[in-house]
Protein backbone atom coordinates (compact mmCIF):
# COMPACT_ATOMS: atom_id res chain seq x y z
CA MET A 1 -19.10 -14.05 -21.56
CA SER A 2 -19.61 -10.93 -19.44
CA ARG A 3 -18.59 -7.55 -20.70
CA GLN A 4 -14.88 -6.77 -20.69
CA LEU A 5 -13.69 -3.37 -19.51
CA GLY A 6 -11.06 -1.63 -21.59
CA VAL A 7 -8.01 -0.56 -19.57
CA GLY A 8 -5.70 2.30 -20.47
CA LEU A 9 -2.25 2.16 -18.91
CA TYR A 10 -1.01 5.64 -18.12
CA GLY A 11 2.74 5.29 -17.70
CA ALA A 12 4.87 2.41 -18.97
CA GLY A 13 7.49 2.08 -16.24
CA ASN A 14 8.65 -0.88 -14.18
CA ILE A 15 5.58 -1.34 -12.00
CA VAL A 16 3.34 -1.40 -15.06
CA HIS A 17 5.56 -3.96 -16.81
CA ASP A 18 5.84 -6.17 -13.73
CA GLY A 19 2.42 -5.77 -12.11
CA HIS A 20 -0.34 -3.88 -13.89
CA ALA A 21 0.02 -5.01 -17.52
CA PRO A 22 0.05 -8.73 -16.57
CA ALA A 23 -2.96 -8.05 -14.32
CA VAL A 24 -4.95 -6.63 -17.23
CA ALA A 25 -4.07 -9.61 -19.40
CA ALA A 26 -4.98 -12.10 -16.66
CA GLY A 27 -8.41 -10.65 -15.96
CA ALA A 28 -11.55 -12.25 -17.36
CA SER A 29 -13.29 -8.85 -17.17
CA THR A 30 -10.47 -6.65 -18.51
CA ARG A 31 -8.58 -6.18 -21.75
CA LEU A 32 -5.76 -3.86 -22.74
CA ALA A 33 -7.25 -1.00 -24.75
CA ALA A 34 -4.50 1.62 -24.72
CA VAL A 35 -1.07 2.55 -23.45
CA CYS A 36 -0.05 6.17 -22.86
CA ASP A 37 3.48 7.33 -22.13
CA ILE A 38 5.51 10.40 -23.05
CA ASP A 39 7.97 7.94 -24.63
CA GLU A 40 6.05 6.55 -27.60
CA ALA A 41 8.55 3.75 -28.20
CA ARG A 42 8.25 2.57 -24.62
CA ALA A 43 4.45 2.61 -24.87
CA ARG A 44 4.53 0.65 -28.12
CA THR A 45 6.93 -1.95 -26.73
CA LEU A 46 4.61 -2.56 -23.79
CA ALA A 47 1.49 -2.75 -25.95
CA ASP A 48 3.14 -5.14 -28.43
CA ALA A 49 4.07 -7.47 -25.58
CA TYR A 50 0.35 -7.97 -24.93
CA GLY A 51 -0.94 -8.28 -28.47
CA GLY A 52 -1.22 -4.60 -29.30
CA ALA A 53 -3.31 -1.64 -28.17
CA ASN A 54 -3.90 1.99 -29.08
CA ILE A 55 -0.79 4.10 -28.43
CA TYR A 56 -0.88 7.65 -27.07
CA THR A 57 1.62 10.20 -25.81
CA SER A 58 -1.10 12.51 -24.48
CA LEU A 59 -3.47 11.67 -21.64
CA ASP A 60 -6.19 13.83 -23.14
CA LYS A 61 -6.10 11.84 -26.35
CA MET A 62 -6.30 8.53 -24.49
CA LEU A 63 -9.24 9.85 -22.46
CA ALA A 64 -11.06 10.61 -25.72
CA ASP A 65 -10.77 6.92 -26.68
CA PRO A 66 -14.22 5.34 -26.10
CA SER A 67 -12.66 1.88 -25.69
CA VAL A 68 -11.02 2.96 -22.41
CA ASP A 69 -13.16 2.39 -19.30
CA ILE A 70 -10.46 2.26 -16.60
CA VAL A 71 -7.23 4.22 -16.38
CA ILE A 72 -4.38 2.78 -14.34
CA MET A 73 -2.26 5.76 -13.29
CA ALA A 74 1.39 4.91 -12.68
CA THR A 75 3.06 8.29 -13.06
CA PRO A 76 5.02 10.55 -10.68
CA ASN A 77 2.98 11.25 -7.55
CA ASN A 78 2.82 15.02 -7.93
CA LEU A 79 0.85 14.58 -11.18
CA HIS A 80 -1.86 12.36 -9.71
CA ARG A 81 -4.45 14.97 -8.77
CA ARG A 82 -4.22 16.93 -12.00
CA ASP A 83 -4.42 13.84 -14.18
CA PHE A 84 -7.11 12.22 -12.05
CA GLU A 85 -9.33 15.27 -12.44
CA ALA A 86 -9.00 14.93 -16.22
CA CYS A 87 -10.00 11.25 -15.95
CA ALA A 88 -12.99 12.14 -13.77
CA ARG A 89 -14.22 14.77 -16.23
CA ALA A 90 -13.99 12.14 -18.96
CA GLY A 91 -16.00 9.66 -16.88
CA LYS A 92 -13.17 7.15 -16.58
CA HIS A 93 -12.71 4.94 -13.52
CA VAL A 94 -9.21 5.12 -12.02
CA LEU A 95 -6.82 2.77 -10.26
CA CYS A 96 -4.12 5.11 -8.97
CA GLU A 97 -0.78 3.74 -7.88
CA LYS A 98 0.06 4.58 -4.30
CA PRO A 99 0.43 7.13 -2.89
CA LEU A 100 -2.80 8.77 -3.99
CA ALA A 101 -1.12 12.19 -3.86
CA VAL A 102 1.79 14.06 -2.27
CA THR A 103 -0.39 16.11 0.09
CA TYR A 104 -3.50 15.33 2.12
CA PRO A 105 -5.55 18.21 0.62
CA ASP A 106 -4.91 16.82 -2.87
CA ALA A 107 -5.71 13.25 -1.80
CA ILE A 108 -8.98 14.03 -0.03
CA ALA A 109 -10.03 16.25 -2.95
CA MET A 110 -9.51 13.32 -5.33
CA ALA A 111 -11.68 11.04 -3.20
CA ARG A 112 -14.49 13.60 -3.12
CA ILE A 113 -14.25 14.34 -6.84
CA ALA A 114 -14.69 10.60 -7.52
CA GLU A 115 -17.91 10.66 -5.49
CA GLU A 116 -19.17 13.75 -7.30
CA HIS A 117 -18.54 12.21 -10.71
CA LYS A 118 -19.84 8.78 -9.64
CA ILE A 119 -16.71 6.98 -10.76
CA VAL A 120 -14.74 4.27 -8.97
CA LEU A 121 -11.39 5.45 -7.59
CA LYS A 122 -9.08 2.82 -6.12
CA THR A 123 -5.69 3.30 -4.49
CA GLY A 124 -3.01 0.77 -5.41
CA PHE A 125 -2.47 -0.87 -2.03
CA ASN A 126 -2.16 -4.31 -3.59
CA GLN A 127 -0.61 -5.83 -0.45
CA ARG A 128 -4.10 -6.03 1.09
CA TYR A 129 -4.59 -9.01 -1.23
CA LEU A 130 -1.59 -11.01 0.01
CA ASN A 131 -2.77 -14.36 1.31
CA GLN A 132 -1.13 -13.87 4.70
CA ILE A 133 -2.86 -10.48 5.06
CA ARG A 134 -6.23 -11.97 4.12
CA MET A 135 -5.75 -14.64 6.78
CA ALA A 136 -4.49 -12.13 9.35
CA LYS A 137 -7.62 -10.03 8.73
CA LEU A 138 -9.78 -13.13 9.23
CA ALA A 139 -7.96 -13.99 12.47
CA ILE A 140 -8.38 -10.49 13.89
CA GLU A 141 -12.05 -10.25 12.92
CA ALA A 142 -12.67 -13.69 14.48
CA GLY A 143 -11.20 -12.42 17.75
CA LEU A 144 -8.22 -14.80 17.85
CA ILE A 145 -5.94 -12.18 19.39
CA GLY A 146 -8.66 -10.18 21.14
CA GLU A 147 -8.61 -6.41 21.28
CA VAL A 148 -5.37 -5.03 19.85
CA PHE A 149 -3.66 -2.36 21.91
CA SER A 150 -0.12 -2.47 20.52
CA PHE A 151 1.63 -3.04 17.21
CA ARG A 152 4.98 -2.45 15.57
CA THR A 153 6.18 -2.74 12.01
CA VAL A 154 9.53 -2.38 10.27
CA PHE A 155 10.52 -2.27 6.61
CA SER A 156 14.13 -1.85 5.53
CA ALA A 157 15.21 -1.83 1.90
CA LYS A 158 18.35 -0.55 0.17
CA TRP A 159 17.74 2.64 -1.76
CA ASP A 160 19.04 1.33 -5.12
CA ASN A 161 17.25 -2.04 -5.02
CA TRP A 162 14.45 -0.68 -7.22
CA VAL A 163 15.65 1.70 -9.89
CA ASP A 164 13.65 2.91 -12.86
CA GLY A 165 14.46 5.22 -15.72
CA SER A 166 13.25 8.42 -14.10
CA ASN A 167 14.42 7.84 -10.49
CA PHE A 168 11.64 10.22 -9.49
CA ARG A 169 11.66 8.89 -5.89
CA TRP A 170 14.76 10.96 -5.17
CA ASP A 171 13.03 14.15 -6.32
CA LEU A 172 10.89 15.10 -3.32
CA GLU A 173 8.70 17.51 -5.24
CA ARG A 174 7.69 14.71 -7.60
CA SER A 175 7.55 11.76 -5.19
CA GLY A 176 6.59 13.29 -1.85
CA GLY A 177 9.18 11.12 -0.12
CA ALA A 178 11.51 8.21 -0.76
CA THR A 179 10.71 6.13 2.32
CA THR A 180 7.67 7.55 4.14
CA ASN A 181 5.61 8.04 0.98
CA ASP A 182 6.90 5.02 -0.94
CA ASN A 183 7.54 1.98 1.26
CA LEU A 184 6.07 2.86 4.64
CA ILE A 185 2.75 4.10 3.24
CA HIS A 186 1.87 0.48 2.47
CA ARG A 187 2.08 -0.23 6.20
CA PHE A 188 0.08 2.88 7.09
CA ASP A 189 -2.78 1.49 5.02
CA MET A 190 -2.29 -2.13 6.07
CA LEU A 191 -2.49 -1.53 9.83
CA ARG A 192 -5.49 0.74 9.39
CA TYR A 193 -7.17 -1.98 7.28
CA LEU A 194 -6.35 -4.85 9.64
CA LEU A 195 -7.48 -2.97 12.75
CA ASP A 196 -10.48 -1.27 11.12
CA ASP A 197 -9.30 1.88 12.84
CA ASP A 198 -8.03 5.38 12.10
CA TYR A 199 -4.99 7.23 13.38
CA ALA A 200 -5.65 9.89 16.01
CA GLU A 201 -2.16 11.24 16.73
CA VAL A 202 1.39 10.87 15.45
CA VAL A 203 4.86 11.96 16.45
CA ALA A 204 7.67 11.38 13.99
CA ASP A 205 11.39 11.52 13.41
CA VAL A 206 11.90 11.69 9.65
CA SER A 207 15.50 12.22 8.61
CA HIS A 208 18.25 11.76 6.06
CA CYS A 209 21.32 9.96 7.36
CA VAL A 210 23.17 7.87 4.79
CA ILE A 211 22.21 7.50 1.14
CA PRO A 212 23.44 9.84 -1.63
CA PRO A 213 20.06 11.42 -2.49
CA VAL A 214 19.08 13.86 0.27
CA VAL A 215 15.71 12.34 1.06
CA ASP A 216 14.04 10.61 3.99
CA ASP A 217 16.08 7.44 4.48
CA ASN A 218 15.51 6.87 8.23
CA VAL A 219 11.93 7.10 9.49
CA HIS A 220 10.39 6.44 12.92
CA LEU A 221 6.75 7.09 13.83
CA MET A 222 4.72 6.53 16.97
CA VAL A 223 0.94 6.65 16.62
CA ARG A 224 -2.23 6.41 18.68
CA THR A 225 -5.45 5.19 17.09
CA ASN A 226 -9.04 6.16 17.71
CA LYS A 227 -9.71 2.82 19.41
CA GLY A 228 -6.79 3.26 21.78
CA ALA A 229 -4.03 1.20 20.19
CA ARG A 230 -0.43 2.41 20.22
CA GLY A 231 1.99 1.51 17.48
CA SER A 232 5.32 2.22 15.85
CA PHE A 233 6.40 2.37 12.22
CA ILE A 234 10.09 2.11 11.31
CA ALA A 235 11.59 2.14 7.83
CA ASP A 236 14.90 2.93 6.18
CA ARG A 237 16.49 3.05 2.76
CA TYR A 238 20.10 2.26 3.70
CA SER A 239 19.99 -1.30 5.09
CA PRO A 240 21.59 -3.76 2.64
CA VAL A 241 19.23 -6.56 3.64
CA LEU A 242 15.47 -6.44 3.25
CA GLY A 243 13.96 -6.24 6.72
CA ASP A 244 10.25 -6.94 6.89
CA ALA A 245 8.17 -7.71 9.99
CA THR A 246 4.90 -6.66 11.59
CA GLU A 247 3.60 -7.67 15.02
CA LEU A 248 0.24 -7.03 16.70
CA TYR A 249 -0.48 -7.67 20.39
CA GLY A 250 -3.99 -8.21 21.74
CA THR A 251 -5.79 -9.28 24.87
CA LYS A 252 -6.08 -12.92 23.71
CA GLY A 253 -2.85 -13.37 21.80
CA SER A 254 -0.47 -11.96 19.21
CA LEU A 255 0.11 -12.12 15.48
CA SER A 256 3.14 -11.50 13.26
CA PHE A 257 3.69 -11.57 9.52
CA TRP A 258 5.95 -10.49 6.71
CA THR A 259 4.92 -9.32 3.25
CA ASN A 260 7.99 -9.27 1.00
CA ALA A 261 10.71 -11.47 2.49
CA GLY A 262 11.29 -13.56 5.58
CA SER A 263 14.42 -13.85 7.70
CA PRO A 264 15.84 -16.10 10.44
CA PHE A 265 13.97 -13.88 12.91
CA PHE A 266 10.67 -14.02 11.02
CA ASP A 267 10.71 -17.20 8.94
CA VAL A 268 6.94 -17.83 8.92
CA PRO A 269 4.75 -15.67 6.64
CA LEU A 270 2.03 -15.61 9.32
CA ALA A 271 2.35 -16.71 12.95
CA ILE A 272 -0.48 -16.45 15.49
CA ASN A 273 -0.53 -17.15 19.19
CA THR A 274 -4.00 -17.38 20.68
CA THR A 275 -5.81 -18.52 23.79
CA VAL A 276 -8.82 -19.49 21.67
CA PRO A 277 -9.26 -23.31 21.65
CA MET A 278 -8.31 -25.17 18.48
CA ASN A 279 -11.88 -26.30 17.81
CA GLU A 280 -13.10 -22.69 17.86
CA LEU A 281 -10.71 -21.44 15.17
CA PRO A 282 -12.17 -20.37 11.81
CA GLU A 283 -11.99 -23.31 9.41
CA PRO A 284 -9.54 -21.71 6.91
CA ILE A 285 -7.09 -21.04 9.74
CA ARG A 286 -7.56 -24.41 11.43
CA LYS A 287 -6.81 -26.19 8.16
CA ALA A 288 -3.65 -24.13 7.65
CA VAL A 289 -2.10 -24.99 11.04
CA TYR A 290 1.26 -26.75 11.13
CA PRO A 291 1.39 -28.21 14.66
CA THR A 292 4.65 -27.84 16.60
CA ALA A 293 4.32 -31.16 18.46
CA ARG A 294 2.14 -34.22 18.96
CA SER A 295 0.86 -35.73 22.18
CA LYS A 296 1.39 -39.33 23.31
CA GLN A 297 -1.98 -40.18 21.79
CA ASN A 298 -0.61 -38.94 18.43
CA ARG A 299 -2.96 -35.96 18.50
CA HIS A 300 -1.97 -32.38 17.84
CA ALA A 301 -0.58 -30.85 21.01
CA TRP A 302 -2.27 -27.47 21.12
CA ASP A 303 0.04 -24.81 22.55
CA GLY A 304 -1.70 -21.81 21.03
CA TRP A 305 0.86 -21.28 18.26
CA LEU A 306 -0.24 -21.31 14.65
CA SER A 307 2.46 -21.33 11.97
CA ILE A 308 0.85 -20.62 8.61
CA TRP A 309 2.44 -20.76 5.14
CA PRO A 310 -0.30 -19.61 2.75
CA PRO A 311 0.42 -19.93 -0.98
CA ARG A 312 2.60 -17.04 -2.12
CA ASN A 313 0.73 -14.62 -4.38
CA GLU A 314 2.87 -11.46 -4.36
CA TRP A 315 2.48 -10.60 -8.04
CA ASP A 316 -1.01 -12.08 -8.33
CA THR A 317 -2.20 -9.32 -6.00
CA TYR A 318 -2.23 -6.86 -8.90
CA ALA A 319 -4.60 -9.11 -10.84
CA GLU A 320 -6.82 -9.65 -7.79
CA GLN A 321 -6.90 -5.92 -7.13
CA LEU A 322 -7.95 -5.11 -10.69
CA ALA A 323 -10.46 -7.97 -10.80
CA GLY A 324 -12.11 -6.66 -7.63
CA MET A 325 -12.34 -3.18 -9.12
CA ALA A 326 -13.76 -4.48 -12.40
CA GLU A 327 -16.42 -6.48 -10.55
CA GLU A 328 -17.37 -3.40 -8.55
CA ILE A 329 -17.81 -1.38 -11.75
CA LEU A 330 -19.81 -4.08 -13.52
CA SER A 331 -22.03 -5.18 -10.64
CA GLY A 332 -22.16 -2.13 -8.40
CA THR A 333 -21.13 -4.31 -5.44
CA ARG A 334 -18.18 -2.85 -3.57
CA ASP A 335 -15.01 -4.90 -3.38
CA GLY A 336 -14.50 -5.35 0.35
CA ILE A 337 -10.71 -5.62 0.16
CA GLY A 338 -9.57 -2.98 -2.32
CA ALA A 339 -8.48 0.41 -1.00
CA THR A 340 -10.80 3.26 -1.95
CA GLY A 341 -9.86 6.85 -2.67
CA PHE A 342 -10.73 7.72 0.93
CA ASP A 343 -8.46 4.91 2.16
CA GLY A 344 -5.68 6.37 0.04
CA ALA A 345 -6.35 9.82 1.47
CA ARG A 346 -6.13 8.51 5.05
CA ALA A 347 -2.71 6.98 4.35
CA THR A 348 -1.47 10.19 2.72
CA GLU A 349 -2.81 12.11 5.71
CA LEU A 350 -0.45 10.20 8.01
CA VAL A 351 2.52 11.01 5.77
CA HIS A 352 1.52 14.68 5.75
CA ALA A 353 1.08 14.69 9.55
CA ALA A 354 4.43 12.92 10.09
CA TYR A 355 6.24 15.63 8.14
CA SER A 356 4.40 18.28 10.15
CA SER A 357 5.41 16.52 13.36
CA GLN A 358 9.05 16.46 12.32
CA ILE A 359 8.99 20.19 11.56
CA ALA A 360 7.23 21.06 14.83
CA ARG A 361 9.01 18.34 16.86
CA ALA A 362 5.67 17.59 18.50
CA TRP A 363 2.64 15.29 18.41
CA VAL A 364 0.16 16.12 15.63
CA SER A 365 -3.55 15.34 15.94
CA LEU A 366 -5.65 13.88 13.14
CA PRO A 367 -7.79 14.32 11.14
CA LEU A 368 -6.03 17.18 9.42
CA ALA A 369 -7.93 20.08 7.95
CA ASP A 370 -8.79 19.70 4.28
CA ASN A 371 -6.56 22.73 3.58
CA ALA A 372 -3.73 21.75 5.95
CA PRO A 373 -0.47 23.44 4.92
CA PHE A 374 2.20 21.09 3.59
CA ALA A 375 5.99 21.35 3.79
CA PHE A 376 8.91 18.95 3.65
CA PRO A 377 11.16 18.68 6.70
CA ASP A 378 14.74 19.89 6.31
CA PHE A 379 16.09 16.41 5.67
CA GLU A 380 19.61 17.61 4.98
CA GLY A 381 19.83 19.81 8.05
CA HIS A 382 18.26 17.23 10.34
CA GLY A 383 20.51 14.47 9.01
CA SER A 384 23.60 16.59 9.56
CA ASP A 385 22.59 17.23 13.16
CA ALA A 386 21.96 13.55 13.72
CA LYS A 387 25.31 12.49 12.32
CA ALA A 388 27.12 15.12 14.34
CA GLY A 389 25.36 14.04 17.52
CA ARG A 390 23.61 17.42 17.98
CA SER A 391 20.03 17.88 19.12
């Protein structure tokens, strides 16, 4: 049996219970070594559920534990850089829950510190591992929709659907944002990953309109990419029904998918329309096709539409993410799917630039300077203007 890496869970909240702790237990190359939380009882309850582990209420003490090789950081976002630097000094590899940091200067500093200390830093964009995203990536790389010049994505989710003990998302200083930096940042990373492209410019309307906490609950971005694509990102925290759809338009076809939940408008996890002949499709995609009709000869009538229902693996993505990181540490071969620290920094950069755009009411060019000033928009003032119909 190959060596197992000891994992220390830093934070024992909902996402650790639901995603990260089961991922550690499921991994052939990982084992639970420690749990650290300011609430000792909560840490102990989590550890006991997985057969026991060392319990700490201090990060420094957990970092002194030689059985810990990887730290999974699932704490409020404003603490990430400080605590990551402590992990780096201790020589621990880190899987940091998204977002990597509240500000771009903090995020890019974390990525560079990881390089300096020769440790693996991964950003928790687990949705890259969804089966429909894997297949969408394959389709795009195989040229099924040609060169992409346009995309749009929307994610709507009611603000109190996911509630934890701290409710830190509603404290902007701790979270960095309730919609832009929590839900939408997944899409920032996902589109960048799928297109193998970076954002060049953004203009944003980031406002508070409805929900009780005065945070960003209504977000609209338009972006341009380095390769010339244009796209829009829309998200809110007030819609009672989960809205989830992404569409990409290219010179040979189009592609749409959802990640969390379908709807009557988007009932297929992955749909592709392509002008590429059926016999030229990559084998994994060709085998996944559900034809829409048959010809008189009882053969598939090829109309260019591919409706694909890959096996659902929403919660398995945490295990696949951690397994990829563990393999990278053990073998030195980079996991080609997992988001690096620099990937996390690029996503945080777009959040930072969107806020700057809202404040300036203008397009903002990227990349930002490593010391770019950061400020939150006046969500309350902007929301009041919007509701009153004032510019």
